[in-house]
């Protein structure tokens, strides 16, 4: 009986240590510096946005595909954003998996779930995480002010046009066979220019 009690207490202590370690690693993750390094395979209403920008002679705003997509209320946005994470803290920053949301002008354009462990070594270590976008952004574009701001960002000759991209990350912490969602989101606000797409 004593052995059983001892084993139960040991399991509780080990479990608590594991949770504390995960919380510490998640807290370190929260203190990391984030940078959007690049975007690729970016398609808006099946238009290759990167190719359109690089060609320099394609007006995405006047594209029949985009106009048709808006009329159908189905404007697919697909692509990958590469998020560089740098860890300035003396602790390992790590999460097992996380939910994410992408917002422009405080309006959600995409969300998803990444089911992989991400570790960033301490003292300046870094890693790059690809975040996949795949959503219908008609609801987002149906607001005239937001639509104009986004289309202005995508259109034009200047690569210095700016917008604010917000990435919200909500890590999951493992407790035995259970998964506990981190209380709240880690919010990353980054100013982006069209040059990130070129």
Protein backbone atom coordinates (compact mmCIF):
# COMPACT_ATOMS: atom_id res chain seq x y z
CA UNK A 1 0.00 0.00 0.00
CA UNK A 2 2.87 2.37 0.87
CA UNK A 3 4.48 1.65 -2.47
CA UNK A 4 1.25 2.54 -4.28
CA UNK A 5 0.93 5.84 -2.39
CA UNK A 6 4.60 6.60 -3.10
CA UNK A 7 4.16 5.88 -6.81
CA UNK A 8 1.05 8.11 -6.97
CA UNK A 9 2.86 10.98 -5.23
CA UNK A 10 5.85 10.54 -7.53
CA UNK A 11 3.57 10.65 -10.59
CA UNK A 12 1.95 13.87 -9.33
CA UNK A 13 5.35 15.50 -8.68
CA UNK A 14 6.72 14.46 -12.10
CA UNK A 15 3.56 15.70 -13.79
CA UNK A 16 3.72 19.05 -11.95
CA UNK A 17 7.40 19.43 -12.91
CA UNK A 18 6.54 18.71 -16.54
CA UNK A 19 3.75 21.34 -16.53
CA UNK A 20 6.01 23.93 -14.85
CA UNK A 21 8.69 23.27 -17.47
CA UNK A 22 6.17 23.71 -20.29
CA UNK A 23 4.84 26.95 -18.77
CA UNK A 24 8.40 28.26 -18.48
CA UNK A 25 9.12 27.36 -22.12
CA UNK A 26 5.84 28.96 -23.22
CA UNK A 27 6.63 32.12 -21.24
CA UNK A 28 10.01 32.27 -22.99
CA UNK A 29 8.16 31.87 -26.30
CA UNK A 30 6.03 34.88 -25.38
CA UNK A 31 9.21 36.96 -24.91
CA UNK A 32 10.62 36.07 -28.32
CA UNK A 33 11.07 38.58 -31.14
CA UNK A 34 9.03 37.92 -34.28
CA UNK A 35 9.73 38.95 -37.85
CA UNK A 36 7.81 38.16 -41.02
CA UNK A 37 10.62 37.11 -43.33
CA UNK A 38 8.71 36.39 -46.51
CA UNK A 39 5.57 35.12 -48.17
CA UNK A 40 5.29 32.58 -50.98
CA UNK A 41 2.71 30.75 -53.07
CA UNK A 42 0.38 33.69 -52.43
CA UNK A 43 -2.85 33.47 -54.42
CA UNK A 44 -5.84 35.81 -54.24
CA UNK A 45 -8.86 34.51 -56.18
CA UNK A 46 -6.46 32.14 -57.99
CA UNK A 47 -4.26 35.06 -59.09
CA UNK A 48 -0.57 34.52 -58.36
CA UNK A 49 0.01 37.76 -56.45
CA UNK A 50 3.80 37.41 -56.35
CA UNK A 51 4.03 36.85 -60.09
CA UNK A 52 1.70 39.78 -60.73
CA UNK A 53 3.90 42.08 -58.63
CA UNK A 54 7.12 40.88 -60.19
CA UNK A 55 5.85 41.30 -63.76
CA UNK A 56 5.05 44.95 -63.00
CA UNK A 57 2.44 45.15 -65.75
CA UNK A 58 -0.57 43.50 -64.15
CA UNK A 59 -3.26 45.51 -62.36
CA UNK A 60 -4.60 43.11 -59.73
CA UNK A 61 -7.43 45.49 -58.78
CA UNK A 62 -8.89 45.37 -62.31
CA UNK A 63 -8.55 41.61 -62.65
CA UNK A 64 -11.73 39.93 -63.95
CA UNK A 65 -11.00 36.95 -61.65
CA UNK A 66 -11.07 39.14 -58.56
CA UNK A 67 -14.22 40.97 -59.68
CA UNK A 68 -15.93 37.63 -60.38
CA UNK A 69 -14.81 36.23 -57.02
CA UNK A 70 -16.28 39.27 -55.24
CA UNK A 71 -19.56 38.85 -57.12
CA UNK A 72 -19.68 35.17 -56.11
CA UNK A 73 -18.83 36.07 -52.49
CA UNK A 74 -15.97 33.60 -52.60
CA UNK A 75 -12.53 35.23 -52.55
CA UNK A 76 -10.00 32.50 -51.70
CA UNK A 77 -6.69 33.59 -50.19
CA UNK A 78 -3.95 30.95 -50.11
CA UNK A 79 -0.27 31.10 -49.35
CA UNK A 80 2.50 30.75 -46.81
CA UNK A 81 3.95 33.30 -44.43
CA UNK A 82 7.40 32.55 -43.01
CA UNK A 83 7.65 33.76 -39.43
CA UNK A 84 11.14 34.06 -37.97
CA UNK A 85 11.29 33.64 -34.19
CA UNK A 86 14.34 34.83 -32.21
CA UNK A 87 14.78 33.96 -28.56
CA UNK A 88 16.79 36.56 -26.58
CA UNK A 89 16.04 34.94 -23.20
CA UNK A 90 18.31 32.50 -21.34
CA UNK A 91 15.54 29.85 -21.39
CA UNK A 92 14.52 27.44 -24.14
CA UNK A 93 11.35 28.68 -25.84
CA UNK A 94 9.11 25.83 -26.94
CA UNK A 95 5.50 24.93 -27.65
CA UNK A 96 3.99 21.60 -28.69
CA UNK A 97 1.27 22.92 -30.97
CA UNK A 98 -0.73 26.09 -31.40
CA UNK A 99 -3.79 27.74 -32.85
CA UNK A 100 -3.23 30.89 -34.85
CA UNK A 101 -5.22 33.79 -36.25
CA UNK A 102 -4.12 36.29 -38.88
CA UNK A 103 -5.71 39.73 -38.80
CA UNK A 104 -5.41 42.88 -40.87
CA UNK A 105 -6.92 46.05 -39.42
CA UNK A 106 -8.20 43.96 -36.49
CA UNK A 107 -10.30 41.81 -38.82
CA UNK A 108 -9.55 38.11 -39.07
CA UNK A 109 -8.52 36.90 -42.51
CA UNK A 110 -7.38 33.37 -41.68
CA UNK A 111 -7.00 30.91 -38.84
CA UNK A 112 -5.61 27.45 -38.39
CA UNK A 113 -3.77 24.96 -36.23
CA UNK A 114 -0.13 23.87 -36.35
CA UNK A 115 0.46 20.45 -34.81
CA UNK A 116 4.22 20.36 -34.44
CA UNK A 117 6.72 21.12 -31.71
CA UNK A 118 8.55 24.39 -32.20
CA UNK A 119 11.74 24.95 -30.20
CA UNK A 120 13.87 28.08 -30.22
CA UNK A 121 17.26 27.78 -28.49
CA UNK A 122 18.09 30.36 -25.80
CA UNK A 123 20.46 33.34 -26.02
CA UNK A 124 19.72 34.48 -29.55
CA UNK A 125 18.65 31.19 -31.11
CA UNK A 126 16.23 31.40 -34.01
CA UNK A 127 13.95 29.33 -36.19
CA UNK A 128 11.54 29.96 -39.07
CA UNK A 129 7.96 28.64 -38.93
CA UNK A 130 5.78 28.47 -42.06
CA UNK A 131 2.17 29.50 -41.42
CA UNK A 132 -0.29 28.35 -44.07
CA UNK A 133 -3.16 30.58 -45.14
CA UNK A 134 -6.25 29.07 -46.74
CA UNK A 135 -9.51 30.94 -46.32
CA UNK A 136 -12.37 32.76 -48.04
CA UNK A 137 -11.83 36.46 -47.28
CA UNK A 138 -15.04 37.76 -48.87
CA UNK A 139 -16.47 38.71 -45.47
CA UNK A 140 -13.28 40.58 -44.72
CA UNK A 141 -13.35 42.39 -48.07
CA UNK A 142 -17.08 43.16 -47.93
CA UNK A 143 -16.34 46.16 -45.71
CA UNK A 144 -15.70 49.00 -48.19
CA UNK A 145 -13.04 50.72 -46.07
CA UNK A 146 -11.12 47.51 -45.47
CA UNK A 147 -11.46 46.47 -49.10
CA UNK A 148 -10.05 49.78 -50.30
CA UNK A 149 -7.13 49.62 -47.85
CA UNK A 150 -6.22 46.06 -48.91
CA UNK A 151 -6.59 46.72 -52.62
CA UNK A 152 -4.52 49.90 -52.26
CA UNK A 153 -1.86 47.82 -50.51
CA UNK A 154 -1.89 45.23 -53.31
CA UNK A 155 -2.10 47.71 -56.17
CA UNK A 156 0.10 50.55 -57.31
CA UNK A 157 3.68 51.14 -58.25
CA UNK A 158 5.19 51.76 -54.83
CA UNK A 159 6.67 48.92 -52.82
CA UNK A 160 6.61 51.16 -49.71
CA UNK A 161 2.89 50.89 -49.04
CA UNK A 162 2.32 49.67 -45.50
CA UNK A 163 -0.23 47.73 -43.50
CA UNK A 164 -0.34 46.11 -40.06
CA UNK A 165 -0.52 42.33 -39.89
CA UNK A 166 -1.46 40.82 -36.54
CA UNK A 167 -0.65 37.20 -35.74
CA UNK A 168 -2.25 35.70 -32.65
CA UNK A 169 -0.81 32.44 -31.31
CA UNK A 170 -2.44 30.28 -28.64
CA UNK A 171 -0.16 27.42 -27.51
CA UNK A 172 -1.32 24.09 -26.10
CA UNK A 173 0.30 22.61 -23.00
CA UNK A 174 0.27 18.85 -22.40
CA UNK A 175 -0.78 17.49 -19.00
CA UNK A 176 -0.57 13.70 -19.14
CA UNK A 177 -3.11 12.65 -21.75
CA UNK A 178 -4.88 16.02 -21.58
CA UNK A 179 -4.14 19.18 -23.50
CA UNK A 180 -4.65 22.57 -21.88
CA UNK A 181 -4.95 25.72 -23.98
CA UNK A 182 -2.74 28.59 -22.92
CA UNK A 183 -4.81 31.32 -21.21
CA UNK A 184 -5.12 33.92 -23.95
CA UNK A 185 -3.18 34.61 -27.13
CA UNK A 186 0.38 35.78 -27.73
CA UNK A 187 -0.15 38.77 -30.03
CA UNK A 188 2.38 39.87 -32.65
CA UNK A 189 1.76 43.14 -34.51
CA UNK A 190 4.04 43.70 -37.49
CA UNK A 191 4.13 46.50 -40.03
CA UNK A 192 4.49 45.01 -43.48
CA UNK A 193 5.24 46.58 -46.85
CA UNK A 194 4.69 45.24 -50.32
CA UNK A 195 8.45 44.68 -50.57
CA UNK A 196 7.99 41.55 -48.42
CA UNK A 197 6.13 40.06 -51.40
CA UNK A 198 8.73 40.97 -54.00
